[in-house]
Structures are given as structure tokens and as C-alpha cells.
């Protein structure tokens, strides 16, 4: 399972790319002028760094608010937020699953849950069978249990272990 949050630089870079591709490039086409957006592009670089700090910081509420605000703005649509499975392994996707889970779905398929967790679909099935992830009543896995699994794994990794506990930790999982 991928345990670490992305670096500030990785996350900032992805956010800049998203804003440019989804907002600024279309605006440049409409305005027919790159020069008119140069100040906006500079401001986006500044703000992306601040968004990354908020997303990676210790203030959970600010991180959630920032993540949801970015998703609403960068992924607008009439059908809800439904990124391709691989998106969850991007820096922003990794932060999103830890801070919010899936902002628009109560449950995801085993395949998407696997991508969120960085494991195979079979690994997700095994975790559901062992009661480590919750099966959703309409199929798939609850996003809350995926998020809980990621954050509890990170808490276990951050906690100092006694030598005996280290040796036995794999057998308990």
C-alpha cells in the first residue's frame, strides 16, 4: 500500500498543470492571447504552492475544504466527479483519498479501491473477506472504509514499534 503523501513539489506541479490545462488553456483559446494571461499564470503558481501546503498540512478541515474546492473547480460536470482509476495514484489523488475519500461516491468498485490503496483488486477482495474493508450494500467497497484503511495504516507506520511488535505485525494484518 502506498503510505506516503506526495511531496509539496510534486503536488504543486500537478495542481499548476491541472489549472493550466482545465482553466487557463481554454481561456487562452477564447481570448486569442497568451499575453493577457501571463499575470494570471504567475498567480496560479503562487496559489498552487499555498494549496499544496494546505492539502499537506496538519489542519484537517482546511485540507478537506481545499481539496473539495479544487475538485469542484477543476472537475466541473453534470455527472459528478468520477476520475479514471489511475487518477488516485497521482499526487492530488493520493491527498484526496486521505483527506476526503471519494468526494462524490459512497462506494467504489474493487478495482478503484485497489488503485486508491495501491494494491490489486484481489487484495481488496481479501481485505473485504477479512473484514478490513466494508462491502457496500449496492456492491463495491465503501469509500469511508478505504479512507479509514489508509489513514490507520499511516498511523501504524508513524508509531514507533517495539522489536517484538515489528516481527509480528505482518501476521496480524
N, C-alpha and C. Protein backbone atom coordinates (compact mmCIF):
# COMPACT_ATOMS: atom_id res chain seq x y z
N UNK A 1 0.84 -1.17 0.00
CA UNK A 1 0.00 0.00 0.00
C UNK A 1 0.89 1.24 0.00
N UNK A 2 0.54 2.23 -0.85
CA UNK A 2 1.34 3.45 -0.84
C UNK A 2 1.01 4.23 0.42
N UNK A 3 2.02 4.48 1.22
CA UNK A 3 1.80 5.02 2.55
C UNK A 3 2.08 6.51 2.67
N UNK A 4 2.93 7.06 1.81
CA UNK A 4 3.38 8.43 2.00
C UNK A 4 2.58 9.41 1.17
N UNK A 5 2.40 10.58 1.74
CA UNK A 5 1.82 11.66 0.98
C UNK A 5 2.87 12.13 -0.03
N UNK A 6 2.42 12.68 -1.14
CA UNK A 6 3.39 13.19 -2.11
C UNK A 6 4.13 14.40 -1.54
N UNK A 7 5.21 14.77 -2.17
CA UNK A 7 5.96 15.95 -1.72
C UNK A 7 5.21 17.22 -2.13
N UNK A 8 5.57 18.31 -1.48
CA UNK A 8 4.99 19.60 -1.81
C UNK A 8 5.24 19.92 -3.29
N UNK A 9 6.44 19.67 -3.78
CA UNK A 9 6.78 19.97 -5.17
C UNK A 9 5.97 19.16 -6.16
N UNK A 10 5.80 17.86 -5.88
CA UNK A 10 5.00 17.00 -6.77
C UNK A 10 3.56 17.48 -6.83
N UNK A 11 3.00 17.77 -5.68
CA UNK A 11 1.61 18.20 -5.61
C UNK A 11 1.43 19.57 -6.27
N UNK A 12 2.33 20.50 -5.99
CA UNK A 12 2.26 21.84 -6.59
C UNK A 12 2.34 21.74 -8.10
N UNK A 13 3.25 20.93 -8.60
CA UNK A 13 3.41 20.77 -10.04
C UNK A 13 2.14 20.23 -10.69
N UNK A 14 1.52 19.23 -10.07
CA UNK A 14 0.29 18.68 -10.63
C UNK A 14 -0.83 19.72 -10.61
N UNK A 15 -0.95 20.46 -9.51
CA UNK A 15 -2.01 21.48 -9.42
C UNK A 15 -1.83 22.57 -10.47
N UNK A 16 -0.60 23.01 -10.68
CA UNK A 16 -0.34 24.01 -11.72
C UNK A 16 -0.76 23.45 -13.09
N UNK A 17 -0.36 22.22 -13.36
CA UNK A 17 -0.72 21.59 -14.64
C UNK A 17 -2.22 21.46 -14.83
N UNK A 18 -2.93 21.10 -13.77
CA UNK A 18 -4.39 20.97 -13.85
C UNK A 18 -5.06 22.31 -14.13
N UNK A 19 -4.66 23.35 -13.40
CA UNK A 19 -5.26 24.66 -13.60
C UNK A 19 -4.97 25.16 -15.01
N UNK A 20 -3.74 24.96 -15.48
CA UNK A 20 -3.40 25.40 -16.83
C UNK A 20 -4.23 24.65 -17.87
N UNK A 21 -4.29 23.33 -17.77
CA UNK A 21 -4.98 22.53 -18.77
C UNK A 21 -6.50 22.71 -18.73
N UNK A 22 -7.06 22.80 -17.55
CA UNK A 22 -8.51 22.84 -17.43
C UNK A 22 -9.11 24.25 -17.45
N UNK A 23 -8.34 25.25 -17.07
CA UNK A 23 -8.89 26.60 -16.99
C UNK A 23 -8.18 27.60 -17.90
N UNK A 24 -6.86 27.68 -17.79
CA UNK A 24 -6.13 28.74 -18.50
C UNK A 24 -5.99 28.47 -19.99
N UNK A 25 -5.67 27.26 -20.39
CA UNK A 25 -5.52 26.97 -21.82
C UNK A 25 -6.83 27.23 -22.59
N UNK A 26 -7.99 26.76 -22.10
CA UNK A 26 -9.23 27.09 -22.80
C UNK A 26 -9.49 28.60 -22.85
N UNK A 27 -9.18 29.30 -21.77
CA UNK A 27 -9.37 30.74 -21.74
C UNK A 27 -8.45 31.43 -22.74
N UNK A 28 -7.23 30.94 -22.86
CA UNK A 28 -6.29 31.48 -23.83
C UNK A 28 -6.83 31.32 -25.26
N UNK A 29 -7.44 30.18 -25.52
CA UNK A 29 -8.03 29.95 -26.84
C UNK A 29 -9.17 30.94 -27.09
N UNK A 30 -10.03 31.13 -26.11
CA UNK A 30 -11.15 32.05 -26.26
C UNK A 30 -10.70 33.49 -26.42
N UNK A 31 -9.71 33.90 -25.65
CA UNK A 31 -9.24 35.28 -25.70
C UNK A 31 -8.28 35.53 -26.86
N UNK A 32 -7.77 34.44 -27.45
CA UNK A 32 -6.80 34.52 -28.54
C UNK A 32 -5.57 35.33 -28.17
N UNK A 33 -5.16 35.18 -26.91
CA UNK A 33 -3.99 35.94 -26.46
C UNK A 33 -3.36 35.28 -25.25
N UNK A 34 -2.12 34.89 -25.42
CA UNK A 34 -1.38 34.31 -24.30
C UNK A 34 -0.92 35.40 -23.33
N UNK A 35 -0.56 36.54 -23.86
CA UNK A 35 -0.01 37.62 -23.03
C UNK A 35 -1.01 38.14 -22.00
N UNK A 36 -2.29 38.10 -22.32
CA UNK A 36 -3.30 38.59 -21.38
C UNK A 36 -3.38 37.73 -20.12
N UNK A 37 -2.89 36.50 -20.20
CA UNK A 37 -2.97 35.58 -19.07
C UNK A 37 -1.67 35.44 -18.31
N UNK A 38 -0.63 36.16 -18.68
CA UNK A 38 0.66 35.97 -18.03
C UNK A 38 0.61 36.28 -16.54
N UNK A 39 -0.10 37.33 -16.14
CA UNK A 39 -0.23 37.64 -14.71
C UNK A 39 -1.04 36.58 -13.99
N UNK A 40 -2.05 36.07 -14.64
CA UNK A 40 -2.88 35.02 -14.03
C UNK A 40 -2.05 33.75 -13.84
N UNK A 41 -1.24 33.40 -14.83
CA UNK A 41 -0.38 32.21 -14.72
C UNK A 41 0.59 32.35 -13.55
N UNK A 42 1.15 33.52 -13.36
CA UNK A 42 2.05 33.75 -12.22
C UNK A 42 1.31 33.59 -10.90
N UNK A 43 0.11 34.10 -10.87
CA UNK A 43 -0.71 33.98 -9.65
C UNK A 43 -1.07 32.53 -9.36
N UNK A 44 -1.33 31.76 -10.40
CA UNK A 44 -1.65 30.33 -10.23
C UNK A 44 -0.46 29.60 -9.62
N UNK A 45 0.74 29.92 -10.05
CA UNK A 45 1.93 29.29 -9.49
C UNK A 45 2.02 29.59 -7.99
N UNK A 46 1.77 30.84 -7.61
CA UNK A 46 1.78 31.21 -6.18
C UNK A 46 0.71 30.44 -5.41
N UNK A 47 -0.51 30.47 -5.93
CA UNK A 47 -1.64 29.85 -5.23
C UNK A 47 -1.49 28.33 -5.16
N UNK A 48 -0.95 27.72 -6.20
CA UNK A 48 -0.77 26.26 -6.19
C UNK A 48 0.14 25.83 -5.05
N UNK A 49 1.17 26.61 -4.79
CA UNK A 49 2.03 26.31 -3.65
C UNK A 49 1.29 26.41 -2.33
N UNK A 50 0.43 27.41 -2.21
CA UNK A 50 -0.38 27.57 -0.99
C UNK A 50 -1.41 26.45 -0.87
N UNK A 51 -2.03 26.07 -1.99
CA UNK A 51 -2.99 24.96 -1.94
C UNK A 51 -2.29 23.68 -1.50
N UNK A 52 -1.10 23.44 -2.04
CA UNK A 52 -0.35 22.23 -1.67
C UNK A 52 -0.01 22.23 -0.18
N UNK A 53 0.39 23.39 0.34
CA UNK A 53 0.67 23.49 1.78
C UNK A 53 -0.57 23.15 2.60
N UNK A 54 -1.72 23.68 2.18
CA UNK A 54 -2.97 23.41 2.90
C UNK A 54 -3.33 21.92 2.82
N UNK A 55 -3.18 21.34 1.64
CA UNK A 55 -3.53 19.93 1.46
C UNK A 55 -2.64 18.99 2.25
N UNK A 56 -1.39 19.37 2.41
CA UNK A 56 -0.42 18.52 3.11
C UNK A 56 -0.28 18.87 4.59
N UNK A 57 -0.87 19.98 5.01
CA UNK A 57 -0.71 20.46 6.38
C UNK A 57 -1.49 19.67 7.41
N UNK A 58 -1.36 20.09 8.64
CA UNK A 58 -1.98 19.37 9.75
C UNK A 58 -3.42 19.78 10.03
N UNK A 59 -3.88 20.88 9.45
CA UNK A 59 -5.25 21.34 9.66
C UNK A 59 -6.18 20.53 8.75
N UNK A 60 -6.81 19.51 9.31
CA UNK A 60 -7.66 18.60 8.54
C UNK A 60 -8.82 19.32 7.85
N UNK A 61 -9.45 20.25 8.57
CA UNK A 61 -10.58 20.97 7.98
C UNK A 61 -10.14 21.81 6.78
N UNK A 62 -9.04 22.52 6.92
CA UNK A 62 -8.52 23.32 5.81
C UNK A 62 -8.14 22.43 4.64
N UNK A 63 -7.52 21.29 4.92
CA UNK A 63 -7.13 20.37 3.86
C UNK A 63 -8.35 19.84 3.12
N UNK A 64 -9.38 19.43 3.85
CA UNK A 64 -10.61 18.93 3.22
C UNK A 64 -11.28 20.02 2.39
N UNK A 65 -11.41 21.20 2.97
CA UNK A 65 -12.05 22.32 2.27
C UNK A 65 -11.29 22.64 0.98
N UNK A 66 -9.97 22.68 1.05
CA UNK A 66 -9.14 22.99 -0.12
C UNK A 66 -9.30 21.90 -1.18
N UNK A 67 -9.26 20.66 -0.77
CA UNK A 67 -9.39 19.54 -1.71
C UNK A 67 -10.74 19.59 -2.43
N UNK A 68 -11.80 19.78 -1.69
CA UNK A 68 -13.13 19.80 -2.29
C UNK A 68 -13.29 21.01 -3.20
N UNK A 69 -12.79 22.16 -2.78
CA UNK A 69 -12.87 23.36 -3.61
C UNK A 69 -12.12 23.16 -4.92
N UNK A 70 -10.96 22.54 -4.87
CA UNK A 70 -10.20 22.27 -6.09
C UNK A 70 -10.93 21.29 -7.01
N UNK A 71 -11.48 20.23 -6.45
CA UNK A 71 -12.20 19.26 -7.27
C UNK A 71 -13.41 19.90 -7.93
N UNK A 72 -14.17 20.67 -7.18
CA UNK A 72 -15.36 21.32 -7.74
C UNK A 72 -14.98 22.26 -8.89
N UNK A 73 -13.88 22.96 -8.72
CA UNK A 73 -13.45 23.93 -9.73
C UNK A 73 -12.78 23.26 -10.93
N UNK A 74 -11.92 22.30 -10.69
CA UNK A 74 -11.14 21.70 -11.77
C UNK A 74 -11.84 20.56 -12.49
N UNK A 75 -12.86 19.97 -11.88
CA UNK A 75 -13.57 18.86 -12.48
C UNK A 75 -15.08 19.12 -12.48
N UNK A 76 -15.51 20.22 -13.10
CA UNK A 76 -16.94 20.50 -13.11
C UNK A 76 -17.66 19.53 -14.04
N UNK A 77 -18.92 19.36 -13.81
CA UNK A 77 -19.69 18.50 -14.69
C UNK A 77 -21.04 18.20 -14.11
N UNK A 78 -21.90 17.74 -14.98
CA UNK A 78 -23.27 17.42 -14.59
C UNK A 78 -23.40 16.02 -14.00
N UNK A 79 -22.36 15.21 -14.16
CA UNK A 79 -22.46 13.81 -13.75
C UNK A 79 -21.66 13.47 -12.51
N UNK A 80 -21.17 14.44 -11.82
CA UNK A 80 -20.39 14.19 -10.61
C UNK A 80 -18.94 13.85 -10.92
N UNK A 81 -18.14 13.88 -9.91
CA UNK A 81 -16.71 13.63 -10.02
C UNK A 81 -16.48 12.14 -10.13
N UNK A 82 -15.91 11.70 -11.25
CA UNK A 82 -15.66 10.28 -11.46
C UNK A 82 -14.36 10.12 -12.24
N UNK A 83 -13.21 10.30 -11.57
CA UNK A 83 -11.94 10.23 -12.29
C UNK A 83 -11.62 8.80 -12.70
N UNK A 84 -10.75 8.64 -13.70
CA UNK A 84 -10.32 7.29 -14.05
C UNK A 84 -9.54 6.68 -12.88
N UNK A 85 -9.55 5.37 -12.74
CA UNK A 85 -8.90 4.74 -11.58
C UNK A 85 -7.46 5.20 -11.34
N UNK A 86 -6.67 5.35 -12.37
CA UNK A 86 -5.27 5.75 -12.21
C UNK A 86 -5.09 7.12 -11.58
N UNK A 87 -6.12 7.96 -11.63
CA UNK A 87 -6.02 9.30 -11.04
C UNK A 87 -5.71 9.22 -9.55
N UNK A 88 -6.18 8.20 -8.90
CA UNK A 88 -5.99 8.08 -7.45
C UNK A 88 -4.53 7.87 -7.06
N UNK A 89 -3.68 7.51 -8.01
CA UNK A 89 -2.25 7.36 -7.72
C UNK A 89 -1.46 8.63 -8.04
N UNK A 90 -2.13 9.67 -8.55
CA UNK A 90 -1.45 10.95 -8.77
C UNK A 90 -1.27 11.64 -7.43
N UNK A 91 -0.39 12.64 -7.36
CA UNK A 91 -0.22 13.35 -6.08
C UNK A 91 -1.54 13.90 -5.52
N UNK A 92 -2.34 14.55 -6.36
CA UNK A 92 -3.61 15.10 -5.87
C UNK A 92 -4.57 13.98 -5.48
N UNK A 93 -4.59 12.90 -6.25
CA UNK A 93 -5.45 11.76 -5.91
C UNK A 93 -5.08 11.13 -4.58
N UNK A 94 -3.76 11.02 -4.31
CA UNK A 94 -3.31 10.44 -3.05
C UNK A 94 -3.73 11.30 -1.87
N UNK A 95 -3.64 12.61 -2.04
CA UNK A 95 -4.05 13.51 -0.97
C UNK A 95 -5.57 13.46 -0.80
N UNK A 96 -6.30 13.44 -1.92
CA UNK A 96 -7.76 13.42 -1.87
C UNK A 96 -8.28 12.20 -1.11
N UNK A 97 -7.76 11.03 -1.41
CA UNK A 97 -8.27 9.83 -0.75
C UNK A 97 -8.00 9.87 0.75
N UNK A 98 -6.90 10.47 1.16
CA UNK A 98 -6.59 10.54 2.59
C UNK A 98 -7.42 11.60 3.30
N UNK A 99 -7.63 12.72 2.65
CA UNK A 99 -8.32 13.85 3.29
C UNK A 99 -9.84 13.77 3.19
N UNK A 100 -10.34 13.27 2.06
CA UNK A 100 -11.78 13.32 1.80
C UNK A 100 -12.36 11.95 1.52
N UNK A 101 -11.55 11.04 1.02
CA UNK A 101 -12.08 9.80 0.47
C UNK A 101 -12.46 10.11 -0.96
N UNK A 102 -13.58 9.62 -1.40
CA UNK A 102 -14.10 9.98 -2.73
C UNK A 102 -15.16 11.04 -2.49
N UNK A 103 -14.98 12.25 -3.01
CA UNK A 103 -15.91 13.32 -2.67
C UNK A 103 -17.30 13.17 -3.25
N UNK A 104 -17.49 12.24 -4.20
CA UNK A 104 -18.80 12.14 -4.83
C UNK A 104 -19.39 10.73 -4.82
N UNK A 105 -18.74 9.80 -4.15
CA UNK A 105 -19.22 8.42 -4.16
C UNK A 105 -19.14 7.80 -2.77
N UNK A 106 -20.20 7.15 -2.39
CA UNK A 106 -20.23 6.43 -1.13
C UNK A 106 -19.50 5.10 -1.23
N UNK A 107 -19.46 4.56 -2.47
CA UNK A 107 -18.80 3.29 -2.71
C UNK A 107 -18.08 3.33 -4.05
N UNK A 108 -17.04 2.52 -4.16
CA UNK A 108 -16.29 2.39 -5.41
C UNK A 108 -16.10 0.91 -5.70
N UNK A 109 -15.78 0.60 -6.95
CA UNK A 109 -15.54 -0.79 -7.33
C UNK A 109 -14.28 -1.31 -6.64
N UNK A 110 -14.12 -2.63 -6.65
CA UNK A 110 -12.92 -3.23 -6.07
C UNK A 110 -11.68 -2.73 -6.80
N UNK A 111 -11.78 -2.55 -8.11
CA UNK A 111 -10.65 -2.07 -8.89
C UNK A 111 -10.23 -0.66 -8.50
N UNK A 112 -11.22 0.23 -8.35
CA UNK A 112 -10.91 1.61 -7.94
C UNK A 112 -10.38 1.62 -6.50
N UNK A 113 -10.99 0.84 -5.63
CA UNK A 113 -10.49 0.76 -4.25
C UNK A 113 -9.04 0.28 -4.24
N UNK A 114 -8.73 -0.68 -5.09
CA UNK A 114 -7.36 -1.18 -5.19
C UNK A 114 -6.40 -0.09 -5.63
N UNK A 115 -6.82 0.70 -6.61
CA UNK A 115 -5.96 1.79 -7.07
C UNK A 115 -5.79 2.83 -5.98
N UNK A 116 -6.86 3.13 -5.26
CA UNK A 116 -6.76 4.09 -4.16
C UNK A 116 -5.77 3.60 -3.11
N UNK A 117 -5.80 2.32 -2.85
CA UNK A 117 -4.94 1.73 -1.81
C UNK A 117 -3.55 1.34 -2.33
N UNK A 118 -3.41 1.28 -3.64
CA UNK A 118 -2.13 0.87 -4.22
C UNK A 118 -1.93 -0.63 -4.16
N UNK A 119 -3.04 -1.38 -4.23
CA UNK A 119 -2.98 -2.85 -4.21
C UNK A 119 -3.85 -3.39 -5.35
N UNK A 120 -3.85 -4.70 -5.52
CA UNK A 120 -4.64 -5.32 -6.58
C UNK A 120 -6.10 -5.44 -6.19
N UNK A 121 -6.92 -5.71 -7.18
CA UNK A 121 -8.34 -5.97 -6.94
C UNK A 121 -8.50 -7.18 -6.02
N UNK A 122 -7.65 -8.20 -6.23
CA UNK A 122 -7.69 -9.40 -5.38
C UNK A 122 -7.33 -9.04 -3.94
N UNK A 123 -6.37 -8.12 -3.78
CA UNK A 123 -6.03 -7.65 -2.43
C UNK A 123 -7.20 -6.99 -1.74
N UNK A 124 -7.96 -6.22 -2.50
CA UNK A 124 -9.17 -5.59 -1.94
C UNK A 124 -10.17 -6.67 -1.55
N UNK A 125 -10.37 -7.65 -2.42
CA UNK A 125 -11.29 -8.74 -2.12
C UNK A 125 -10.89 -9.44 -0.82
N UNK A 126 -9.61 -9.71 -0.67
CA UNK A 126 -9.11 -10.36 0.55
C UNK A 126 -9.38 -9.49 1.78
N UNK A 127 -9.16 -8.18 1.67
CA UNK A 127 -9.41 -7.29 2.80
C UNK A 127 -10.90 -7.23 3.15
N UNK A 128 -11.77 -7.29 2.15
CA UNK A 128 -13.21 -7.31 2.40
C UNK A 128 -13.58 -8.62 3.10
N UNK A 129 -13.05 -9.72 2.61
CA UNK A 129 -13.33 -11.04 3.19
C UNK A 129 -12.88 -11.09 4.65
N UNK A 130 -11.76 -10.47 4.95
CA UNK A 130 -11.23 -10.47 6.32
C UNK A 130 -11.83 -9.37 7.19
N UNK A 131 -12.76 -8.60 6.64
CA UNK A 131 -13.41 -7.56 7.43
C UNK A 131 -12.58 -6.29 7.61
N UNK A 132 -11.53 -6.13 6.82
CA UNK A 132 -10.67 -4.95 6.93
C UNK A 132 -11.19 -3.79 6.09
N UNK A 133 -12.04 -4.10 5.10
CA UNK A 133 -12.75 -3.10 4.30
C UNK A 133 -14.22 -3.47 4.31
N UNK A 134 -15.09 -2.47 4.22
CA UNK A 134 -16.54 -2.71 4.27
C UNK A 134 -17.12 -2.82 2.87
N UNK A 135 -17.87 -3.89 2.67
CA UNK A 135 -18.60 -4.07 1.42
C UNK A 135 -19.81 -3.13 1.47
N UNK A 136 -20.11 -2.48 0.35
CA UNK A 136 -21.27 -1.60 0.28
C UNK A 136 -22.50 -2.42 -0.09
N UNK A 137 -23.65 -2.04 0.42
CA UNK A 137 -24.88 -2.82 0.19
C UNK A 137 -25.25 -2.92 -1.29
N UNK A 138 -24.85 -1.94 -2.11
CA UNK A 138 -25.16 -1.99 -3.53
C UNK A 138 -23.99 -2.50 -4.38
N UNK A 139 -22.96 -2.99 -3.71
CA UNK A 139 -21.79 -3.53 -4.41
C UNK A 139 -20.58 -2.65 -4.20
N UNK A 140 -19.42 -3.19 -4.43
CA UNK A 140 -18.19 -2.45 -4.26
C UNK A 140 -17.80 -2.33 -2.80
N UNK A 141 -16.97 -1.33 -2.53
CA UNK A 141 -16.40 -1.11 -1.21
C UNK A 141 -16.73 0.32 -0.79
N UNK A 142 -17.04 0.52 0.48
CA UNK A 142 -17.33 1.89 0.93
C UNK A 142 -16.05 2.73 0.89
N UNK A 143 -16.22 3.95 0.43
CA UNK A 143 -15.06 4.84 0.37
C UNK A 143 -14.59 5.20 1.77
N UNK A 144 -15.50 5.24 2.71
CA UNK A 144 -15.11 5.53 4.10
C UNK A 144 -14.16 4.47 4.63
N UNK A 145 -14.41 3.20 4.30
CA UNK A 145 -13.51 2.14 4.80
C UNK A 145 -12.16 2.18 4.09
N UNK A 146 -12.14 2.59 2.83
CA UNK A 146 -10.86 2.74 2.13
C UNK A 146 -10.05 3.85 2.78
N UNK A 147 -10.70 4.98 3.02
CA UNK A 147 -10.01 6.11 3.66
C UNK A 147 -9.53 5.72 5.06
N UNK A 148 -10.38 5.03 5.81
CA UNK A 148 -10.01 4.59 7.16
C UNK A 148 -8.80 3.65 7.12
N UNK A 149 -8.78 2.77 6.14
CA UNK A 149 -7.66 1.82 5.99
C UNK A 149 -6.36 2.56 5.72
N UNK A 150 -6.41 3.55 4.83
CA UNK A 150 -5.20 4.31 4.51
C UNK A 150 -4.72 5.10 5.71
N UNK A 151 -5.61 5.82 6.36
CA UNK A 151 -5.18 6.66 7.47
C UNK A 151 -4.76 5.83 8.68
N UNK A 152 -5.39 4.70 8.92
CA UNK A 152 -4.97 3.87 10.05
C UNK A 152 -3.64 3.19 9.75
N UNK A 153 -3.38 2.83 8.50
CA UNK A 153 -2.09 2.27 8.12
C UNK A 153 -0.99 3.29 8.33
N UNK A 154 -1.27 4.54 7.95
CA UNK A 154 -0.27 5.59 8.14
C UNK A 154 0.00 5.84 9.62
N UNK A 155 -1.04 5.77 10.43
CA UNK A 155 -0.86 5.97 11.87
C UNK A 155 0.00 4.84 12.44
N UNK A 156 -0.24 3.62 11.98
CA UNK A 156 0.56 2.48 12.45
C UNK A 156 2.02 2.64 12.02
N UNK A 157 2.23 3.11 10.79
CA UNK A 157 3.60 3.29 10.29
C UNK A 157 4.33 4.39 11.05
N UNK A 158 3.61 5.43 11.46
CA UNK A 158 4.24 6.56 12.16
C UNK A 158 4.56 6.22 13.61
N UNK A 159 3.84 5.25 14.18
CA UNK A 159 4.03 4.89 15.58
C UNK A 159 5.31 4.07 15.74
N UNK A 160 6.17 4.42 16.69
CA UNK A 160 7.36 3.61 16.92
C UNK A 160 6.95 2.21 17.38
N UNK A 161 7.62 1.22 16.86
CA UNK A 161 7.29 -0.17 17.21
C UNK A 161 8.36 -0.77 18.10
N UNK A 162 7.91 -1.62 18.98
CA UNK A 162 8.85 -2.41 19.77
C UNK A 162 9.38 -3.52 18.86
N UNK A 163 10.59 -4.02 19.09
CA UNK A 163 11.16 -5.05 18.22
C UNK A 163 10.24 -6.26 18.04
N UNK A 164 9.60 -6.73 19.11
CA UNK A 164 8.73 -7.90 19.00
C UNK A 164 7.50 -7.58 18.16
N UNK A 165 6.95 -6.37 18.34
CA UNK A 165 5.78 -5.97 17.57
C UNK A 165 6.09 -5.91 16.08
N UNK A 166 7.31 -5.45 15.72
CA UNK A 166 7.72 -5.39 14.32
C UNK A 166 7.70 -6.77 13.69
N UNK A 167 8.21 -7.74 14.41
CA UNK A 167 8.28 -9.11 13.88
C UNK A 167 6.91 -9.71 13.70
N UNK A 168 5.95 -9.34 14.53
CA UNK A 168 4.63 -9.92 14.47
C UNK A 168 3.61 -9.11 13.70
N UNK A 169 3.97 -7.92 13.26
CA UNK A 169 2.98 -7.04 12.63
C UNK A 169 2.43 -7.61 11.35
N UNK A 170 3.21 -8.31 10.57
CA UNK A 170 2.72 -8.88 9.31
C UNK A 170 1.69 -9.98 9.57
N UNK A 171 1.88 -10.76 10.60
CA UNK A 171 0.94 -11.84 10.84
C UNK A 171 -0.42 -11.34 11.31
N UNK A 172 -0.45 -10.16 11.95
CA UNK A 172 -1.74 -9.60 12.42
C UNK A 172 -2.52 -8.97 11.29
N UNK A 173 -1.85 -8.43 10.27
CA UNK A 173 -2.54 -7.79 9.16
C UNK A 173 -3.16 -8.84 8.33
